[in-house]
C-alpha atoms as a PDB file:
ATOM      1  CA  MET A   1       3.870   4.590 -16.204  1.00  0.00           C
ATOM      2  CA  ALA A   2       3.540   3.609 -19.818  1.00  0.00           C
ATOM      3  CA  ASP A   3       0.063   2.158 -19.281  1.00  0.00           C
ATOM      4  CA  LYS A   4      -2.109   4.077 -21.745  1.00  0.00           C
ATOM      5  CA  LYS A   5      -5.877   4.093 -21.943  1.00  0.00           C
ATOM      6  CA  ASN A   6      -7.633   4.245 -25.312  1.00  0.00           C
ATOM      7  CA  ASN A   7      -7.910   7.973 -24.865  1.00  0.00           C
ATOM      8  CA  GLY A   8      -4.178   8.342 -24.301  1.00  0.00           C
ATOM      9  CA  VAL A   9      -4.343   9.054 -20.567  1.00  0.00           C
ATOM     10  CA  SER A  10      -1.947   7.199 -18.293  1.00  0.00           C
ATOM     11  CA  ARG A  11      -2.949   6.016 -14.837  1.00  0.00           C
ATOM     12  CA  ARG A  12      -0.810   8.644 -13.127  1.00  0.00           C
ATOM     13  CA  GLU A  13      -2.192  11.399 -15.339  1.00  0.00           C
ATOM     14  CA  PHE A  14      -5.625   9.972 -14.624  1.00  0.00           C
ATOM     15  CA  LEU A  15      -5.152  10.620 -10.894  1.00  0.00           C
ATOM     16  CA  LYS A  16      -3.572  14.021 -11.390  1.00  0.00           C
ATOM     17  CA  THR A  17      -6.539  15.239 -13.427  1.00  0.00           C
ATOM     18  CA  ALA A  18      -9.213  13.573 -11.285  1.00  0.00           C
ATOM     19  CA  THR A  19     -10.285  16.656  -9.355  1.00  0.00           C
ATOM     20  CA  ALA A  20     -10.423  18.913 -12.388  1.00  0.00           C
ATOM     21  CA  ALA A  21     -12.271  16.354 -14.516  1.00  0.00           C
ATOM     22  CA  ALA A  22     -14.801  15.634 -11.790  1.00  0.00           C
ATOM     23  CA  ALA A  23     -15.510  19.331 -11.401  1.00  0.00           C
ATOM     24  CA  GLY A  24     -15.874  19.727 -15.146  1.00  0.00           C
ATOM     25  CA  ALA A  25     -18.283  16.808 -15.408  1.00  0.00           C
ATOM     26  CA  ALA A  26     -20.394  18.265 -12.623  1.00  0.00           C
ATOM     27  CA  ALA A  27     -20.469  21.640 -14.362  1.00  0.00           C
ATOM     28  CA  LEU A  28     -21.675  20.003 -17.555  1.00  0.00           C
ATOM     29  CA  GLY A  29     -24.482  18.280 -15.724  1.00  0.00           C
ATOM     30  CA  GLY A  30     -23.036  14.756 -15.690  1.00  0.00           C
ATOM     31  CA  CYS A  31     -21.320  12.482 -18.170  1.00  0.00           C
ATOM     32  CA  THR A  32     -22.241  10.266 -21.071  1.00  0.00           C
ATOM     33  CA  ALA A  33     -23.295   6.825 -19.870  1.00  0.00           C
ATOM     34  CA  GLY A  34     -20.894   5.086 -22.245  1.00  0.00           C
ATOM     35  CA  ASP A  35     -17.865   7.165 -21.320  1.00  0.00           C
ATOM     36  CA  GLU A  36     -15.886   4.541 -19.410  1.00  0.00           C
ATOM     37  CA  PHE A  37     -13.072   6.948 -18.591  1.00  0.00           C
ATOM     38  CA  VAL A  38     -15.345   9.416 -16.801  1.00  0.00           C
ATOM     39  CA  GLN A  39     -17.353   6.641 -15.156  1.00  0.00           C
ATOM     40  CA  THR A  40     -14.194   5.161 -13.706  1.00  0.00           C
ATOM     41  CA  LEU A  41     -12.932   8.582 -12.711  1.00  0.00           C
ATOM     42  CA  LEU A  42     -16.071   9.407 -10.738  1.00  0.00           C
ATOM     43  CA  ARG A  43     -16.427   5.956  -9.222  1.00  0.00           C
ATOM     44  CA  ARG A  44     -16.331   5.740  -5.457  1.00  0.00           C
ATOM     45  CA  HIS A  45     -14.111   3.286  -3.620  1.00  0.00           C
ATOM     46  CA  PHE A  46     -15.442  -0.254  -3.883  1.00  0.00           C
ATOM     47  CA  LYS A  47     -15.998  -0.481  -0.116  1.00  0.00           C
ATOM     48  CA  LYS A  48     -18.241   2.611  -0.278  1.00  0.00           C
ATOM     49  CA  MET A  49     -20.309   1.689  -3.321  1.00  0.00           C
ATOM     50  CA  THR A  50     -24.011   0.888  -3.010  1.00  0.00           C
ATOM     51  CA  PRO A  51     -25.382  -2.474  -4.223  1.00  0.00           C
ATOM     52  CA  ASP A  52     -26.837  -0.695  -7.262  1.00  0.00           C
ATOM     53  CA  ASP A  53     -23.482   0.920  -8.000  1.00  0.00           C
ATOM     54  CA  ILE A  54     -21.742  -2.460  -7.814  1.00  0.00           C
ATOM     55  CA  SER A  55     -24.347  -4.154  -9.992  1.00  0.00           C
ATOM     56  CA  ALA A  56     -24.021  -1.521 -12.714  1.00  0.00           C
ATOM     57  CA  MET A  57     -20.225  -1.700 -12.599  1.00  0.00           C
ATOM     58  CA  LEU A  58     -20.203  -5.516 -12.845  1.00  0.00           C
ATOM     59  CA  THR A  59     -22.577  -5.428 -15.815  1.00  0.00           C
ATOM     60  CA  ARG A  60     -20.350  -2.939 -17.612  1.00  0.00           C
ATOM     61  CA  LEU A  61     -17.233  -5.043 -16.950  1.00  0.00           C
ATOM     62  CA  GLU A  62     -18.942  -8.253 -18.043  1.00  0.00           C
ATOM     63  CA  GLU A  63     -19.869  -6.656 -21.357  1.00  0.00           C
ATOM     64  CA  LYS A  64     -16.364  -5.280 -21.767  1.00  0.00           C
ATOM     65  CA  TYR A  65     -14.508  -8.538 -21.109  1.00  0.00           C
ATOM     66  CA  SER A  66     -17.029 -10.727 -22.944  1.00  0.00           C
ATOM     67  CA  GLY A  67     -16.438  -8.670 -26.075  1.00  0.00           C
ATOM     68  CA  LYS A  68     -12.685  -8.574 -25.594  1.00  0.00           C
ATOM     69  CA  LEU A  69     -12.253 -12.303 -24.876  1.00  0.00           C
ATOM     70  CA  ASN A  70     -14.914 -13.555 -27.282  1.00  0.00           C
ATOM     71  CA  ARG A  71     -16.783 -15.580 -24.662  1.00  0.00           C
ATOM     72  CA  GLU A  72     -19.396 -14.902 -22.023  1.00  0.00           C
ATOM     73  CA  ILE A  73     -17.724 -13.705 -18.816  1.00  0.00           C
ATOM     74  CA  THR A  74     -19.518 -13.462 -15.487  1.00  0.00           C
ATOM     75  CA  ILE A  75     -18.189 -11.249 -12.689  1.00  0.00           C
ATOM     76  CA  GLU A  76     -19.543 -11.486  -9.160  1.00  0.00           C
ATOM     77  CA  ALA A  77     -18.789  -9.573  -5.978  1.00  0.00           C
ATOM     78  CA  THR A  78     -19.316 -12.219  -3.311  1.00  0.00           C
ATOM     79  CA  PRO A  79     -18.867 -10.685   0.162  1.00  0.00           C
ATOM     80  CA  PRO A  80     -16.996 -12.417   2.998  1.00  0.00           C
ATOM     81  CA  GLU A  81     -19.028 -14.503   5.432  1.00  0.00           C
ATOM     82  CA  GLU A  82     -19.383 -13.682   9.101  1.00  0.00           C
ATOM     83  CA  ASN A  83     -17.301 -15.643  11.635  1.00  0.00           C
ATOM     84  CA  VAL A  84     -14.841 -16.822   8.997  1.00  0.00           C
ATOM     85  CA  LEU A  85     -11.096 -16.219   9.009  1.00  0.00           C
ATOM     86  CA  PHE A  86      -9.345 -18.237   6.341  1.00  0.00           C
ATOM     87  CA  GLY A  87      -6.017 -19.917   6.964  1.00  0.00           C
ATOM     88  CA  TYR A  88      -3.700 -22.135   4.944  1.00  0.00           C
ATOM     89  CA  ALA A  89      -1.272 -24.865   5.955  1.00  0.00           C
ATOM     90  CA  LEU A  90       1.325 -26.718   3.890  1.00  0.00           C
ATOM     91  CA  ASP A  91       3.033 -29.974   4.835  1.00  0.00           C
ATOM     92  CA  ILE A  92       6.652 -29.637   3.761  1.00  0.00           C
ATOM     93  CA  ALA A  93       7.270 -33.321   4.475  1.00  0.00           C
ATOM     94  CA  ARG A  94       4.746 -34.240   1.772  1.00  0.00           C
ATOM     95  CA  CYS A  95       5.381 -31.594  -0.912  1.00  0.00           C
ATOM     96  CA  ILE A  96       7.222 -33.135  -3.868  1.00  0.00           C
ATOM     97  CA  GLY A  97       7.817 -29.944  -5.861  1.00  0.00           C
ATOM     98  CA  CYS A  98       5.723 -31.046  -8.854  1.00  0.00           C
ATOM     99  CA  ARG A  99       4.373 -27.505  -9.416  1.00  0.00           C
ATOM    100  CA  ARG A 100       0.854 -28.737 -10.152  1.00  0.00           C
ATOM    101  CA  CYS A 101      -0.300 -26.088  -7.704  1.00  0.00           C
ATOM    102  CA  VAL A 102       1.365 -23.447  -9.883  1.00  0.00           C
ATOM    103  CA  TYR A 103      -0.301 -24.615 -13.084  1.00  0.00           C
ATOM    104  CA  GLY A 104      -3.697 -25.119 -11.451  1.00  0.00           C
ATOM    105  CA  CYS A 105      -3.521 -21.604 -10.031  1.00  0.00           C
ATOM    106  CA  VAL A 106      -2.664 -20.127 -13.438  1.00  0.00           C
ATOM    107  CA  GLU A 107      -5.650 -21.829 -15.084  1.00  0.00           C
ATOM    108  CA  GLU A 108      -8.135 -20.977 -12.336  1.00  0.00           C
ATOM    109  CA  ASN A 109      -7.133 -17.361 -11.870  1.00  0.00           C
ATOM    110  CA  ASN A 110      -6.705 -16.171 -15.462  1.00  0.00           C
ATOM    111  CA  GLN A 111      -3.028 -15.383 -15.122  1.00  0.00           C
ATOM    112  CA  SER A 112      -1.245 -14.131 -18.225  1.00  0.00           C
ATOM    113  CA  ARG A 113       0.516 -16.761 -20.328  1.00  0.00           C
ATOM    114  CA  ASP A 114       2.489 -14.217 -22.331  1.00  0.00           C
ATOM    115  CA  PRO A 115       4.105 -12.536 -20.535  1.00  0.00           C
ATOM    116  CA  GLN A 116       4.014 -15.341 -17.994  1.00  0.00           C
ATOM    117  CA  ILE A 117       2.713 -14.507 -14.524  1.00  0.00           C
ATOM    118  CA  GLN A 118       2.562 -17.076 -11.728  1.00  0.00           C
ATOM    119  CA  TRP A 119       1.303 -16.340  -8.233  1.00  0.00           C
ATOM    120  CA  ILE A 120       2.966 -19.394  -6.645  1.00  0.00           C
ATOM    121  CA  THR A 121       6.725 -19.925  -6.563  1.00  0.00           C
ATOM    122  CA  VAL A 122       8.063 -23.345  -5.539  1.00  0.00           C
ATOM    123  CA  LEU A 123      11.576 -23.271  -4.097  1.00  0.00           C
ATOM    124  CA  GLU A 124      13.919 -26.240  -3.984  1.00  0.00           C
ATOM    125  CA  LEU A 125      16.164 -26.399  -0.905  1.00  0.00           C
ATOM    126  CA  ASP A 126      18.904 -28.683   0.401  1.00  0.00           C
ATOM    127  CA  ALA A 127      17.417 -30.902   3.096  1.00  0.00           C
ATOM    128  CA  GLU A 128      20.612 -30.804   5.145  1.00  0.00           C
ATOM    129  CA  ARG A 129      20.426 -27.016   5.420  1.00  0.00           C
ATOM    130  CA  GLY A 130      16.733 -27.018   6.319  1.00  0.00           C
ATOM    131  CA  ILE A 131      14.584 -23.958   5.572  1.00  0.00           C
ATOM    132  CA  ASN A 132      17.461 -21.775   4.439  1.00  0.00           C
ATOM    133  CA  LEU A 133      16.235 -19.395   1.760  1.00  0.00           C
ATOM    134  CA  GLU A 134      19.749 -18.219   0.935  1.00  0.00           C
ATOM    135  CA  HIS A 135      20.312 -21.499  -0.879  1.00  0.00           C
ATOM    136  CA  ALA A 136      16.827 -21.880  -2.351  1.00  0.00           C
ATOM    137  CA  THR A 137      16.145 -21.918  -6.085  1.00  0.00           C
ATOM    138  CA  PRO A 138      12.933 -21.876  -8.150  1.00  0.00           C
ATOM    139  CA  TYR A 139      14.852 -23.222 -11.159  1.00  0.00           C
ATOM    140  CA  TYR A 140      14.749 -27.010 -11.142  1.00  0.00           C
ATOM    141  CA  ASP A 141      13.346 -29.771 -13.341  1.00  0.00           C
ATOM    142  CA  ALA A 142       9.818 -30.401 -12.064  1.00  0.00           C
ATOM    143  CA  GLU A 143       9.610 -33.586 -14.137  1.00  0.00           C
ATOM    144  CA  GLN A 144      12.322 -35.185 -12.023  1.00  0.00           C
ATOM    145  CA  VAL A 145      10.931 -34.741  -8.531  1.00  0.00           C
ATOM    146  CA  PRO A 146      11.232 -35.268  -5.715  1.00  0.00           C
ATOM    147  CA  ARG A 147      15.018 -35.284  -5.926  1.00  0.00           C
ATOM    148  CA  PRO A 148      17.067 -37.047  -3.202  1.00  0.00           C
ATOM    149  CA  GLY A 149      18.272 -34.715  -0.476  1.00  0.00           C
ATOM    150  CA  LYS A 150      15.871 -31.902  -1.435  1.00  0.00           C
ATOM    151  CA  LEU A 151      12.970 -30.102   0.222  1.00  0.00           C
ATOM    152  CA  TYR A 152      10.315 -28.044  -1.549  1.00  0.00           C
ATOM    153  CA  LEU A 153       8.864 -24.822  -0.222  1.00  0.00           C
ATOM    154  CA  PRO A 154       5.956 -23.243  -2.164  1.00  0.00           C
ATOM    155  CA  VAL A 155       5.550 -19.509  -1.490  1.00  0.00           C
ATOM    156  CA  ALA A 156       2.653 -17.226  -2.375  1.00  0.00           C
ATOM    157  CA  CYS A 157       0.767 -14.402  -0.682  1.00  0.00           C
ATOM    158  CA  GLN A 158       0.775 -15.066   3.056  1.00  0.00           C
ATOM    159  CA  HIS A 159      -2.435 -13.083   3.660  1.00  0.00           C
ATOM    160  CA  CYS A 160      -0.922 -11.406   6.679  1.00  0.00           C
ATOM    161  CA  GLU A 161      -3.002 -10.160   9.581  1.00  0.00           C
ATOM    162  CA  ASN A 162      -0.638  -7.184   9.625  1.00  0.00           C
ATOM    163  CA  PRO A 163       0.053  -6.720   5.889  1.00  0.00           C
ATOM    164  CA  PRO A 164       2.754  -4.134   5.121  1.00  0.00           C
ATOM    165  CA  CYS A 165       1.570  -3.963   1.508  1.00  0.00           C
ATOM    166  CA  VAL A 166      -1.755  -2.505   2.633  1.00  0.00           C
ATOM    167  CA  LYS A 167      -0.108   0.187   4.730  1.00  0.00           C
ATOM    168  CA  VAL A 168       1.942   1.638   1.878  1.00  0.00           C
ATOM    169  CA  CYS A 169      -0.719   1.776  -0.844  1.00  0.00           C
ATOM    170  CA  PRO A 170      -1.249   5.489  -1.577  1.00  0.00           C
ATOM    171  CA  VAL A 171      -4.761   5.044  -3.007  1.00  0.00           C
ATOM    172  CA  GLN A 172      -6.178   2.269  -0.763  1.00  0.00           C
ATOM    173  CA  ALA A 173      -6.405  -0.111  -3.712  1.00  0.00           C
ATOM    174  CA  THR A 174      -5.539  -3.066  -1.483  1.00  0.00           C
ATOM    175  CA  TRP A 175      -6.936  -4.063   1.894  1.00  0.00           C
ATOM    176  CA  LYS A 176      -7.562  -7.000   4.227  1.00  0.00           C
ATOM    177  CA  ASP A 177     -11.170  -8.163   3.971  1.00  0.00           C
ATOM    178  CA  LYS A 178     -13.243  -9.440   6.906  1.00  0.00           C
ATOM    179  CA  ASP A 179     -12.388 -13.080   6.204  1.00  0.00           C
ATOM    180  CA  GLY A 180      -8.668 -12.300   6.255  1.00  0.00           C
ATOM    181  CA  ILE A 181      -8.101 -12.349   2.489  1.00  0.00           C
ATOM    182  CA  VAL A 182      -5.893  -9.491   1.311  1.00  0.00           C
ATOM    183  CA  VAL A 183      -7.509  -8.236  -1.886  1.00  0.00           C
ATOM    184  CA  ILE A 184      -6.712  -5.771  -4.676  1.00  0.00           C
ATOM    185  CA  ASP A 185      -9.120  -3.578  -6.615  1.00  0.00           C
ATOM    186  CA  TYR A 186      -7.513  -3.636 -10.053  1.00  0.00           C
ATOM    187  CA  ASP A 187      -9.564  -0.648 -11.179  1.00  0.00           C
ATOM    188  CA  TRP A 188      -8.257   1.383  -8.271  1.00  0.00           C
ATOM    189  CA  CYS A 189      -4.592   0.307  -8.532  1.00  0.00           C
ATOM    190  CA  VAL A 190      -2.338   2.949 -10.090  1.00  0.00           C
ATOM    191  CA  GLY A 191       0.647   0.662 -10.628  1.00  0.00           C
ATOM    192  CA  CYS A 192       3.064   2.506  -8.335  1.00  0.00           C
ATOM    193  CA  ARG A 193       4.375  -0.860  -7.032  1.00  0.00           C
ATOM    194  CA  CYS A 194       4.848   0.405  -3.480  1.00  0.00           C
ATOM    195  CA  CYS A 195       3.113  -2.753  -2.283  1.00  0.00           C
ATOM    196  CA  MET A 196       5.639  -4.895  -4.138  1.00  0.00           C
ATOM    197  CA  SER A 197       8.483  -3.156  -2.344  1.00  0.00           C
ATOM    198  CA  ALA A 198       6.776  -3.587   1.018  1.00  0.00           C
ATOM    199  CA  CYS A 199       5.934  -7.295   0.641  1.00  0.00           C
ATOM    200  CA  PRO A 200       8.698  -9.394   2.249  1.00  0.00           C
ATOM    201  CA  TYR A 201       7.522 -12.564   0.488  1.00  0.00           C
ATOM    202  CA  GLY A 202       7.786 -11.460  -3.148  1.00  0.00           C
ATOM    203  CA  ALA A 203       4.115 -12.360  -3.559  1.00  0.00           C
ATOM    204  CA  ARG A 204       2.959  -9.451  -5.718  1.00  0.00           C
ATOM    205  CA  HIS A 205       3.382  -9.328  -9.485  1.00  0.00           C
ATOM    206  CA  PHE A 206       3.189  -6.418 -11.914  1.00  0.00           C
ATOM    207  CA  ASN A 207       1.626  -6.522 -15.377  1.00  0.00           C
ATOM    208  CA  TRP A 208       4.257  -4.873 -17.548  1.00  0.00           C
ATOM    209  CA  LYS A 209       2.390  -5.767 -20.736  1.00  0.00           C
ATOM    210  CA  GLU A 210      -1.199  -6.458 -21.719  1.00  0.00           C
ATOM    211  CA  PRO A 211      -1.947  -9.926 -20.270  1.00  0.00           C
ATOM    212  CA  SER A 212      -2.532 -12.658 -22.846  1.00  0.00           C
ATOM    213  CA  ILE A 213      -4.722 -15.739 -22.331  1.00  0.00           C
ATOM    214  CA  PRO A 214      -5.805 -18.084 -25.147  1.00  0.00           C
ATOM    215  CA  GLU A 215      -9.555 -17.845 -25.671  1.00  0.00           C
ATOM    216  CA  ASP A 216     -10.123 -21.538 -24.949  1.00  0.00           C
ATOM    217  CA  GLU A 217      -8.191 -21.277 -21.653  1.00  0.00           C
ATOM    218  CA  VAL A 218     -10.082 -18.343 -20.119  1.00  0.00           C
ATOM    219  CA  ASN A 219     -11.944 -19.166 -16.901  1.00  0.00           C
ATOM    220  CA  PRO A 220     -15.251 -17.334 -17.470  1.00  0.00           C
ATOM    221  CA  ASN A 221     -16.489 -17.571 -13.869  1.00  0.00           C
ATOM    222  CA  THR A 222     -14.833 -14.699 -12.060  1.00  0.00           C
ATOM    223  CA  GLU A 223     -14.954 -12.404  -9.046  1.00  0.00           C
ATOM    224  CA  TYR A 224     -14.385  -8.665  -9.061  1.00  0.00           C
ATOM    225  CA  LEU A 225     -11.726  -8.860  -6.328  1.00  0.00           C
ATOM    226  CA  GLY A 226     -10.476 -12.240  -7.480  1.00  0.00           C
ATOM    227  CA  ASN A 227      -9.751 -13.863 -10.814  1.00  0.00           C
ATOM    228  CA  ARG A 228     -11.327 -11.455 -13.289  1.00  0.00           C
ATOM    229  CA  PRO A 229      -9.033 -10.404 -16.166  1.00  0.00           C
ATOM    230  CA  ARG A 230      -6.497  -7.787 -15.131  1.00  0.00           C
ATOM    231  CA  PRO A 231      -5.324  -4.875 -17.294  1.00  0.00           C
ATOM    232  CA  ARG A 232      -1.798  -3.819 -18.058  1.00  0.00           C
ATOM    233  CA  GLY A 233      -0.084  -1.674 -15.437  1.00  0.00           C
ATOM    234  CA  VAL A 234      -1.554  -3.132 -12.230  1.00  0.00           C
ATOM    235  CA  VAL A 235      -0.324  -5.418  -9.466  1.00  0.00           C
ATOM    236  CA  GLU A 236      -1.895  -8.834  -8.822  1.00  0.00           C
ATOM    237  CA  LYS A 237      -1.412 -11.773  -6.460  1.00  0.00           C
ATOM    238  CA  CYS A 238      -2.949 -14.855  -4.832  1.00  0.00           C
ATOM    239  CA  THR A 239      -6.406 -14.311  -3.353  1.00  0.00           C
ATOM    240  CA  PHE A 240      -6.835 -17.787  -1.769  1.00  0.00           C
ATOM    241  CA  CYS A 241      -9.074 -18.394  -4.837  1.00  0.00           C
ATOM    242  CA  LEU A 242     -11.621 -15.992  -3.377  1.00  0.00           C
ATOM    243  CA  GLN A 243     -14.079 -16.952  -6.129  1.00  0.00           C
ATOM    244  CA  ARG A 244     -14.042 -20.527  -4.803  1.00  0.00           C
ATOM    245  CA  VAL A 245     -13.566 -20.340  -1.039  1.00  0.00           C
ATOM    246  CA  ARG A 246     -16.394 -17.858  -0.471  1.00  0.00           C
ATOM    247  CA  LYS A 247     -18.666 -20.459  -2.058  1.00  0.00           C
ATOM    248  CA  GLY A 248     -17.526 -23.351   0.101  1.00  0.00           C
ATOM    249  CA  LEU A 249     -14.863 -24.785  -2.225  1.00  0.00           C
ATOM    250  CA  TYR A 250     -11.144 -25.331  -1.675  1.00  0.00           C
ATOM    251  CA  PRO A 251      -8.549 -23.151  -3.415  1.00  0.00           C
ATOM    252  CA  LYS A 252      -7.529 -24.689  -6.724  1.00  0.00           C
ATOM    253  CA  CYS A 253      -3.984 -25.433  -5.505  1.00  0.00           C
ATOM    254  CA  VAL A 254      -5.421 -27.505  -2.643  1.00  0.00           C
ATOM    255  CA  GLU A 255      -7.686 -29.392  -5.033  1.00  0.00           C
ATOM    256  CA  VAL A 256      -4.945 -30.329  -7.519  1.00  0.00           C
ATOM    257  CA  CYS A 257      -2.163 -31.254  -5.061  1.00  0.00           C
ATOM    258  CA  PRO A 258      -1.491 -34.964  -5.769  1.00  0.00           C
ATOM    259  CA  VAL A 259      -0.082 -35.734  -2.313  1.00  0.00           C
ATOM    260  CA  GLY A 260      -2.459 -33.809  -0.033  1.00  0.00           C
ATOM    261  CA  ALA A 261       0.242 -31.446   1.187  1.00  0.00           C
ATOM    262  CA  ARG A 262      -2.068 -28.420   1.210  1.00  0.00           C
ATOM    263  CA  LYS A 263      -4.780 -27.734   3.806  1.00  0.00           C
ATOM    264  CA  PHE A 264      -7.264 -24.890   4.044  1.00  0.00           C
ATOM    265  CA  GLY A 265     -10.060 -23.847   6.338  1.00  0.00           C
ATOM    266  CA  ASN A 266     -11.645 -21.525   8.867  1.00  0.00           C
ATOM    267  CA  LEU A 267      -9.301 -20.563  11.691  1.00  0.00           C
ATOM    268  CA  LEU A 268     -12.286 -19.591  13.838  1.00  0.00           C
ATOM    269  CA  ASP A 269     -13.791 -23.088  13.660  1.00  0.00           C
ATOM    270  CA  PRO A 270     -12.337 -25.230  16.475  1.00  0.00           C
ATOM    271  CA  GLU A 271     -13.387 -28.387  14.600  1.00  0.00           C
ATOM    272  CA  SER A 272     -11.660 -27.459  11.315  1.00  0.00           C
ATOM    273  CA  GLU A 273      -8.671 -29.335   9.926  1.00  0.00           C
ATOM    274  CA  ILE A 274      -6.598 -26.179   9.879  1.00  0.00           C
ATOM    275  CA  ARG A 275      -7.132 -25.703  13.620  1.00  0.00           C
ATOM    276  CA  TYR A 276      -6.165 -29.316  14.282  1.00  0.00           C
ATOM    277  CA  ILE A 277      -2.905 -28.803  12.416  1.00  0.00           C
ATOM    278  CA  LEU A 278      -2.072 -25.637  14.316  1.00  0.00           C
ATOM    279  CA  GLU A 279      -2.771 -27.323  17.638  1.00  0.00           C
ATOM    280  CA  HIS A 280      -1.092 -30.688  17.009  1.00  0.00           C
ATOM    281  CA  LYS A 281       1.719 -30.203  14.477  1.00  0.00           C
ATOM    282  CA  SER A 282       5.101 -28.529  14.496  1.00  0.00           C
ATOM    283  CA  VAL A 283       4.155 -25.269  12.762  1.00  0.00           C
ATOM    284  CA  PHE A 284       6.205 -22.277  11.643  1.00  0.00           C
ATOM    285  CA  ILE A 285       5.714 -19.154   9.527  1.00  0.00           C
ATOM    286  CA  LEU A 286       8.124 -17.392   7.191  1.00  0.00           C
ATOM    287  CA  LYS A 287      10.015 -14.370   8.471  1.00  0.00           C
ATOM    288  CA  GLN A 288       8.293 -14.420  11.851  1.00  0.00           C
ATOM    289  CA  ASP A 289      10.535 -11.635  13.150  1.00  0.00           C
ATOM    290  CA  LEU A 290       8.881  -9.099  10.803  1.00  0.00           C
ATOM    291  CA  GLY A 291       5.604  -9.141  12.715  1.00  0.00           C
ATOM    292  CA  THR A 292       3.444  -9.599   9.619  1.00  0.00           C
ATOM    293  CA  ASP A 293       1.494 -12.440  11.296  1.00  0.00           C
ATOM    294  CA  PRO A 294       0.849 -14.557   8.177  1.00  0.00           C
ATOM    295  CA  LYS A 295      -2.155 -16.864   7.895  1.00  0.00           C
ATOM    296  CA  PHE A 296      -0.097 -19.214   5.738  1.00  0.00           C
ATOM    297  CA  PHE A 297       1.494 -21.869   7.918  1.00  0.00           C
ATOM    298  CA  TYR A 298       4.129 -24.509   7.199  1.00  0.00           C
ATOM    299  CA  TYR A 299       4.389 -27.749   9.156  1.00  0.00           C
ATOM    300  CA  TRP A 300       5.927 -31.195   9.280  1.00  0.00           C
ATOM    301  CA  GLY A 301       3.549 -34.109   8.823  1.00  0.00           C
ATOM    302  CA  THR A 302       4.903 -36.044  11.795  1.00  0.00           C
END
């Protein structure tokens, strides 16, 4: 990896020297409070951190990003609620391929503008061929939609119940949380891209360069496992707008869809709209034969 820290240590070298550095720090009686490299090195996995550990880490990151982005950034670590399993449904009959979901997602989730990173890909397909991905293309004029004889199929992270990306991560930087959202700890990710190879939906994206966001376009309200700024050399993806849905809001793509093609809710709630769709509509999932068991469903409005 070419991802260099300020001290000249790459992420791979960082892992290789972890044991030796930790032992050295212990021998010296600890580390300097401001030494971010050593603090990160000695940090436990997010799922094993105490509330005090998490609070101190969030404060340090808020100070770091506020200084870097020239505006006050807040970072929270909102846990998943009990008895909640999030699911998503998309009405292909309604989707017009306008890509407003793409742009809304970029703005909400602090995705890099240069180089450009987008978590949602909208595919244009021939209606006569149906859902045939061999003839799908993401390259079409979104200002001239919907086009006659075309269907539109947005694709993002499917938040699988059996996610292959989680299985292959060598450092446990990604996992499925209790509410079904597959998350990534960007501080833990080493950029090996094994998860990208394992994902059959092309939903994960790698930061080859330092992400760039204009100061006046930064969303300052962020979550540690969600839309906080990401560094160079890590993988990122859709999180169902974790920073919104864990506070009772819809994902941004649902909110901005002009035709109401996107639905979201709690799969464990028998009265939810998402459950109604699953029980009363013609529903399918992508690449069902792979056994990933996505929680992203497609259906026809009729």
